[in-house]
Amino acid sequence: YKYNLNKKIAITPGLAVIFNPEHNSNNDTIFVGTIRTTFKF
């Protein structure tokens, strides 16, 4: 998804999910959220 705030600024959300960190099923799943802001000049 990409949300344009105006002609020059856009925001793109992201989500990364890591199952079995370190290849160990005893570790909990990790969720990482990101927000990318793009400026056009």
PDB file of N, CA and C in Angstrom:
ATOM      1  N   TYR A   1       0.829  -1.173   0.000  1.00  0.00           N
ATOM      2  CA  TYR A   1       0.000   0.000   0.000  1.00  0.00           C
ATOM      3  C   TYR A   1       0.876   1.239   0.000  1.00  0.00           C
ATOM      4  N   LYS A   2       0.354   2.292  -0.580  1.00  0.00           N
ATOM      5  CA  LYS A   2       1.071   3.556  -0.623  1.00  0.00           C
ATOM      6  C   LYS A   2       0.048   4.666  -0.456  1.00  0.00           C
ATOM      7  N   TYR A   3       0.254   5.510   0.535  1.00  0.00           N
ATOM      8  CA  TYR A   3      -0.661   6.606   0.812  1.00  0.00           C
ATOM      9  C   TYR A   3       0.005   7.921   0.437  1.00  0.00           C
ATOM     10  N   ASN A   4      -0.553   8.612  -0.546  1.00  0.00           N
ATOM     11  CA  ASN A   4      -0.024   9.910  -0.961  1.00  0.00           C
ATOM     12  C   ASN A   4      -0.661  10.991  -0.098  1.00  0.00           C
ATOM     13  N   LEU A   5       0.178  11.708   0.638  1.00  0.00           N
ATOM     14  CA  LEU A   5      -0.332  12.828   1.429  1.00  0.00           C
ATOM     15  C   LEU A   5      -0.568  14.044   0.547  1.00  0.00           C
ATOM     16  N   ASN A   6       0.315  14.227  -0.422  1.00  0.00           N
ATOM     17  CA  ASN A   6       0.169  15.259  -1.446  1.00  0.00           C
ATOM     18  C   ASN A   6       1.060  14.848  -2.618  1.00  0.00           C
ATOM     19  N   LYS A   7       1.354  15.755  -3.551  1.00  0.00           N
ATOM     20  CA  LYS A   7       2.164  15.406  -4.725  1.00  0.00           C
ATOM     21  C   LYS A   7       3.605  15.067  -4.367  1.00  0.00           C
ATOM     22  N   LYS A   8       4.090  15.557  -3.239  1.00  0.00           N
ATOM     23  CA  LYS A   8       5.507  15.435  -2.897  1.00  0.00           C
ATOM     24  C   LYS A   8       5.819  14.459  -1.760  1.00  0.00           C
ATOM     25  N   ILE A   9       4.809  14.023  -0.993  1.00  0.00           N
ATOM     26  CA  ILE A   9       5.061  13.171   0.163  1.00  0.00           C
ATOM     27  C   ILE A   9       4.161  11.935   0.105  1.00  0.00           C
ATOM     28  N   ALA A  10       4.773  10.754   0.290  1.00  0.00           N
ATOM     29  CA  ALA A  10       4.021   9.497   0.310  1.00  0.00           C
ATOM     30  C   ALA A  10       4.484   8.655   1.504  1.00  0.00           C
ATOM     31  N   ILE A  11       3.568   7.900   2.070  1.00  0.00           N
ATOM     32  CA  ILE A  11       3.866   7.025   3.202  1.00  0.00           C
ATOM     33  C   ILE A  11       3.534   5.596   2.812  1.00  0.00           C
ATOM     34  N   THR A  12       4.475   4.671   3.091  1.00  0.00           N
ATOM     35  CA  THR A  12       4.287   3.255   2.785  1.00  0.00           C
ATOM     36  C   THR A  12       4.505   2.447   4.064  1.00  0.00           C
ATOM     37  N   PRO A  13       3.473   1.761   4.556  1.00  0.00           N
ATOM     38  CA  PRO A  13       3.659   0.917   5.744  1.00  0.00           C
ATOM     39  C   PRO A  13       4.227  -0.444   5.361  1.00  0.00           C
ATOM     40  N   GLY A  14       4.837  -1.116   6.322  1.00  0.00           N
ATOM     41  CA  GLY A  14       5.372  -2.448   6.074  1.00  0.00           C
ATOM     42  C   GLY A  14       5.320  -3.300   7.324  1.00  0.00           C
ATOM     43  N   LEU A  15       5.318  -4.613   7.141  1.00  0.00           N
ATOM     44  CA  LEU A  15       5.306  -5.550   8.262  1.00  0.00           C
ATOM     45  C   LEU A  15       6.166  -6.752   7.903  1.00  0.00           C
ATOM     46  N   ALA A  16       7.088  -7.100   8.797  1.00  0.00           N
ATOM     47  CA  ALA A  16       7.912  -8.300   8.622  1.00  0.00           C
ATOM     48  C   ALA A  16       7.610  -9.240   9.783  1.00  0.00           C
ATOM     49  N   VAL A  17       7.418 -10.517   9.470  1.00  0.00           N
ATOM     50  CA  VAL A  17       7.139 -11.525  10.483  1.00  0.00           C
ATOM     51  C   VAL A  17       8.234 -12.581  10.419  1.00  0.00           C
ATOM     52  N   ILE A  18       8.857 -12.858  11.556  1.00  0.00           N
ATOM     53  CA  ILE A  18       9.940 -13.841  11.617  1.00  0.00           C
ATOM     54  C   ILE A  18       9.457 -15.028  12.455  1.00  0.00           C
ATOM     55  N   PHE A  19       9.287 -16.165  11.792  1.00  0.00           N
ATOM     56  CA  PHE A  19       8.867 -17.382  12.466  1.00  0.00           C
ATOM     57  C   PHE A  19      10.103 -18.179  12.890  1.00  0.00           C
ATOM     58  N   ASN A  20      10.091 -18.757  14.069  1.00  0.00           N
ATOM     59  CA  ASN A  20      11.191 -19.573  14.591  1.00  0.00           C
ATOM     60  C   ASN A  20      12.541 -18.862  14.475  1.00  0.00           C
ATOM     61  N   PRO A  21      12.715 -17.722  15.169  1.00  0.00           N
ATOM     62  CA  PRO A  21      14.001 -17.035  15.118  1.00  0.00           C
ATOM     63  C   PRO A  21      15.146 -17.971  15.516  1.00  0.00           C
ATOM     64  N   GLU A  22      16.276 -17.833  14.846  1.00  0.00           N
ATOM     65  CA  GLU A  22      17.469 -18.664  15.049  1.00  0.00           C
ATOM     66  C   GLU A  22      17.166 -20.140  14.799  1.00  0.00           C
ATOM     67  N   HIS A  23      16.147 -20.429  13.987  1.00  0.00           N
ATOM     68  CA  HIS A  23      15.737 -21.798  13.641  1.00  0.00           C
ATOM     69  C   HIS A  23      15.435 -22.625  14.885  1.00  0.00           C
ATOM     70  N   ASN A  24      14.885 -21.946  15.908  1.00  0.00           N
ATOM     71  CA  ASN A  24      14.552 -22.604  17.161  1.00  0.00           C
ATOM     72  C   ASN A  24      13.059 -22.416  17.403  1.00  0.00           C
ATOM     73  N   SER A  25      12.301 -23.518  17.387  1.00  0.00           N
ATOM     74  CA  SER A  25      10.844 -23.424  17.531  1.00  0.00           C
ATOM     75  C   SER A  25      10.426 -23.000  18.935  1.00  0.00           C
ATOM     76  N   ASN A  26      11.344 -22.989  19.904  1.00  0.00           N
ATOM     77  CA  ASN A  26      11.028 -22.522  21.257  1.00  0.00           C
ATOM     78  C   ASN A  26      10.972 -21.001  21.346  1.00  0.00           C
ATOM     79  N   ASN A  27      11.556 -20.303  20.358  1.00  0.00           N
ATOM     80  CA  ASN A  27      11.538 -18.840  20.344  1.00  0.00           C
ATOM     81  C   ASN A  27      10.198 -18.342  19.825  1.00  0.00           C
ATOM     82  N   ASP A  28       9.734 -17.234  20.381  1.00  0.00           N
ATOM     83  CA  ASP A  28       8.481 -16.632  19.948  1.00  0.00           C
ATOM     84  C   ASP A  28       8.625 -15.995  18.569  1.00  0.00           C
ATOM     85  N   THR A  29       7.504 -15.886  17.870  1.00  0.00           N
ATOM     86  CA  THR A  29       7.468 -15.196  16.580  1.00  0.00           C
ATOM     87  C   THR A  29       7.703 -13.705  16.807  1.00  0.00           C
ATOM     88  N   ILE A  30       8.467 -13.074  15.920  1.00  0.00           N
ATOM     89  CA  ILE A  30       8.790 -11.646  16.025  1.00  0.00           C
ATOM     90  C   ILE A  30       8.046 -10.883  14.928  1.00  0.00           C
ATOM     91  N   PHE A  31       7.401  -9.788  15.311  1.00  0.00           N
ATOM     92  CA  PHE A  31       6.711  -8.904  14.366  1.00  0.00           C
ATOM     93  C   PHE A  31       7.443  -7.570  14.354  1.00  0.00           C
ATOM     94  N   VAL A  32       7.784  -7.081  13.161  1.00  0.00           N
ATOM     95  CA  VAL A  32       8.487  -5.806  13.014  1.00  0.00           C
ATOM     96  C   VAL A  32       7.668  -4.915  12.084  1.00  0.00           C
ATOM     97  N   GLY A  33       7.230  -3.775  12.599  1.00  0.00           N
ATOM     98  CA  GLY A  33       6.474  -2.819  11.789  1.00  0.00           C
ATOM     99  C   GLY A  33       7.375  -1.689  11.320  1.00  0.00           C
ATOM    100  N   THR A  34       7.134  -1.233  10.091  1.00  0.00           N
ATOM    101  CA  THR A  34       7.931  -0.137   9.538  1.00  0.00           C
ATOM    102  C   THR A  34       7.022   0.888   8.859  1.00  0.00           C
ATOM    103  N   ILE A  35       7.517   2.099   8.793  1.00  0.00           N
ATOM    104  CA  ILE A  35       6.840   3.161   8.028  1.00  0.00           C
ATOM    105  C   ILE A  35       7.907   3.861   7.198  1.00  0.00           C
ATOM    106  N   ARG A  36       7.724   3.868   5.876  1.00  0.00           N
ATOM    107  CA  ARG A  36       8.658   4.536   4.975  1.00  0.00           C
ATOM    108  C   ARG A  36       7.998   5.817   4.476  1.00  0.00           C
ATOM    109  N   THR A  37       8.707   6.908   4.561  1.00  0.00           N
ATOM    110  CA  THR A  37       8.223   8.189   4.057  1.00  0.00           C
ATOM    111  C   THR A  37       9.093   8.587   2.863  1.00  0.00           C
ATOM    112  N   THR A  38       8.452   8.890   1.741  1.00  0.00           N
ATOM    113  CA  THR A  38       9.157   9.252   0.516  1.00  0.00           C
ATOM    114  C   THR A  38       8.879  10.725   0.183  1.00  0.00           C
ATOM    115  N   PHE A  39       9.951  11.481   0.010  1.00  0.00           N
ATOM    116  CA  PHE A  39       9.857  12.883  -0.367  1.00  0.00           C
ATOM    117  C   PHE A  39      10.358  13.053  -1.786  1.00  0.00           C
ATOM    118  N   LYS A  40       9.604  13.745  -2.614  1.00  0.00           N
ATOM    119  CA  LYS A  40      10.027  14.020  -3.995  1.00  0.00           C
ATOM    120  C   LYS A  40      10.379  15.499  -4.119  1.00  0.00           C
ATOM    121  N   PHE A  41      11.554  15.765  -4.686  1.00  0.00           N
ATOM    122  CA  PHE A  41      12.005  17.142  -4.877  1.00  0.00           C
ATOM    123  C   PHE A  41      11.996  17.510  -6.330  1.00  0.00           C
TER     124      PHE A  41
END
